[in-house]
């Protein structure tokens, strides 16, 4: 088995959840979003459709940036906890 760093290097391990799209709530929400978008697009002229697309693209990009930030923050917290555990373990060993 590879180390976690090797798995990251070769893209065998990603921080993205792999099962959220299998959840019923996710599928229902995704279907509702698609249906609502289709209904809205049918009511809009071409210029308004392009404006809506620009809006949804911007929201998607914003969400991506937020997800990246959350991952980096979570990863940093995990490393900090790991470092603290090693320091605490070393201090406990020195006290014995």
Protein backbone atom coordinates (compact mmCIF):
# COMPACT_ATOMS: atom_id res chain seq x y z
CA UNK A 1 0.00 0.00 0.00
CA UNK A 2 1.23 3.48 -0.85
CA UNK A 3 1.72 6.19 1.69
CA UNK A 4 -0.89 8.95 1.85
CA UNK A 5 1.59 11.35 0.22
CA UNK A 6 2.10 8.96 -2.67
CA UNK A 7 -1.66 8.57 -3.02
CA UNK A 8 -2.02 12.36 -3.19
CA UNK A 9 0.79 12.56 -5.73
CA UNK A 10 -0.77 10.01 -8.05
CA UNK A 11 -4.34 11.35 -7.53
CA UNK A 12 -5.45 8.08 -5.95
CA UNK A 13 -6.72 9.99 -2.95
CA UNK A 14 -8.79 13.12 -3.23
CA UNK A 15 -10.36 15.22 -0.49
CA UNK A 16 -13.70 15.28 -2.26
CA UNK A 17 -16.51 13.19 -0.82
CA UNK A 18 -17.43 10.35 -3.14
CA UNK A 19 -20.89 9.43 -2.01
CA UNK A 20 -22.87 12.64 -1.55
CA UNK A 21 -24.45 12.34 -5.01
CA UNK A 22 -25.87 8.94 -4.02
CA UNK A 23 -27.94 10.45 -1.22
CA UNK A 24 -31.65 10.84 -1.95
CA UNK A 25 -31.71 14.44 -0.67
CA UNK A 26 -28.94 15.40 -3.10
CA UNK A 27 -30.67 13.77 -6.05
CA UNK A 28 -34.01 15.41 -5.22
CA UNK A 29 -32.39 18.82 -4.87
CA UNK A 30 -30.42 18.37 -8.08
CA UNK A 31 -33.60 17.41 -9.95
CA UNK A 32 -35.45 20.42 -8.53
CA UNK A 33 -32.64 22.76 -9.59
CA UNK A 34 -32.66 21.35 -13.13
CA UNK A 35 -36.45 21.58 -13.42
CA UNK A 36 -36.52 25.13 -12.08
CA UNK A 37 -33.74 26.21 -14.44
CA UNK A 38 -35.56 24.73 -17.45
CA UNK A 39 -38.80 26.51 -16.51
CA UNK A 40 -36.97 29.79 -16.04
CA UNK A 41 -35.03 29.48 -19.30
CA UNK A 42 -38.29 28.86 -21.18
CA UNK A 43 -39.59 32.24 -19.95
CA UNK A 44 -36.47 34.26 -20.74
CA UNK A 45 -35.30 35.77 -23.98
CA UNK A 46 -31.79 35.05 -25.26
CA UNK A 47 -30.16 38.06 -23.58
CA UNK A 48 -31.75 37.20 -20.23
CA UNK A 49 -30.70 33.56 -20.62
CA UNK A 50 -27.10 34.69 -21.10
CA UNK A 51 -27.39 36.89 -18.02
CA UNK A 52 -28.73 33.98 -16.00
CA UNK A 53 -25.89 31.78 -17.24
CA UNK A 54 -23.32 34.39 -16.24
CA UNK A 55 -24.94 34.57 -12.81
CA UNK A 56 -24.94 30.78 -12.28
CA UNK A 57 -21.34 30.54 -13.56
CA UNK A 58 -20.30 33.17 -11.03
CA UNK A 59 -22.07 31.33 -8.21
CA UNK A 60 -20.37 28.10 -9.23
CA UNK A 61 -16.95 29.75 -9.21
CA UNK A 62 -17.64 31.32 -5.82
CA UNK A 63 -18.70 27.93 -4.43
CA UNK A 64 -15.52 26.34 -5.79
CA UNK A 65 -13.37 28.99 -4.10
CA UNK A 66 -15.23 28.44 -0.82
CA UNK A 67 -14.73 24.66 -1.07
CA UNK A 68 -11.02 25.11 -1.72
CA UNK A 69 -10.74 27.37 1.32
CA UNK A 70 -12.62 24.93 3.52
CA UNK A 71 -10.38 22.07 2.43
CA UNK A 72 -7.20 24.06 3.05
CA UNK A 73 -8.47 25.18 6.46
CA UNK A 74 -9.48 21.63 7.41
CA UNK A 75 -6.18 20.20 6.22
CA UNK A 76 -4.28 22.84 8.20
CA UNK A 77 -6.32 22.03 11.31
CA UNK A 78 -5.57 18.33 10.85
CA UNK A 79 -1.85 18.97 10.54
CA UNK A 80 -1.93 21.24 13.57
CA UNK A 81 -3.69 18.56 15.62
CA UNK A 82 -1.17 15.96 14.45
CA UNK A 83 1.77 18.20 15.32
CA UNK A 84 0.30 18.91 18.75
CA UNK A 85 -0.22 15.19 19.35
CA UNK A 86 3.46 14.51 18.58
CA UNK A 87 4.65 17.36 20.80
CA UNK A 88 2.37 16.23 23.64
CA UNK A 89 3.49 12.62 23.25
CA UNK A 90 7.15 13.71 23.37
CA UNK A 91 6.50 15.82 26.49
CA UNK A 92 4.73 12.94 28.19
CA UNK A 93 7.64 10.59 27.36
CA UNK A 94 10.14 13.11 28.77
CA UNK A 95 8.13 13.38 32.02
CA UNK A 96 8.36 9.62 32.62
